[in-house]
């Protein structure tokens, strides 16, 4: 279950405007954690597969990578 309904997400996106609104929708659609989407780079987005590859995260202000090679994950848009 989502903490917000789709209508609430859309309303928040409108309220935040064209600069930050899309981020709210992106985060909700991919279900990424804050420390994951903050560390994304353009190369992590696979538009053909409509997926985002999570390879790093921010923890305590430091960019970190998974300790195991298979620790990354893919998040798809719904």
Foldseek 3Di string as FASTA:
>chain_A
DDPDDPVVLQVVLVVVPDPCSVVSLVCRQQVDDPQQVVPFDPVQQDVVVQKGKRAWGADPNDIGGDPDPPPIDITHGD
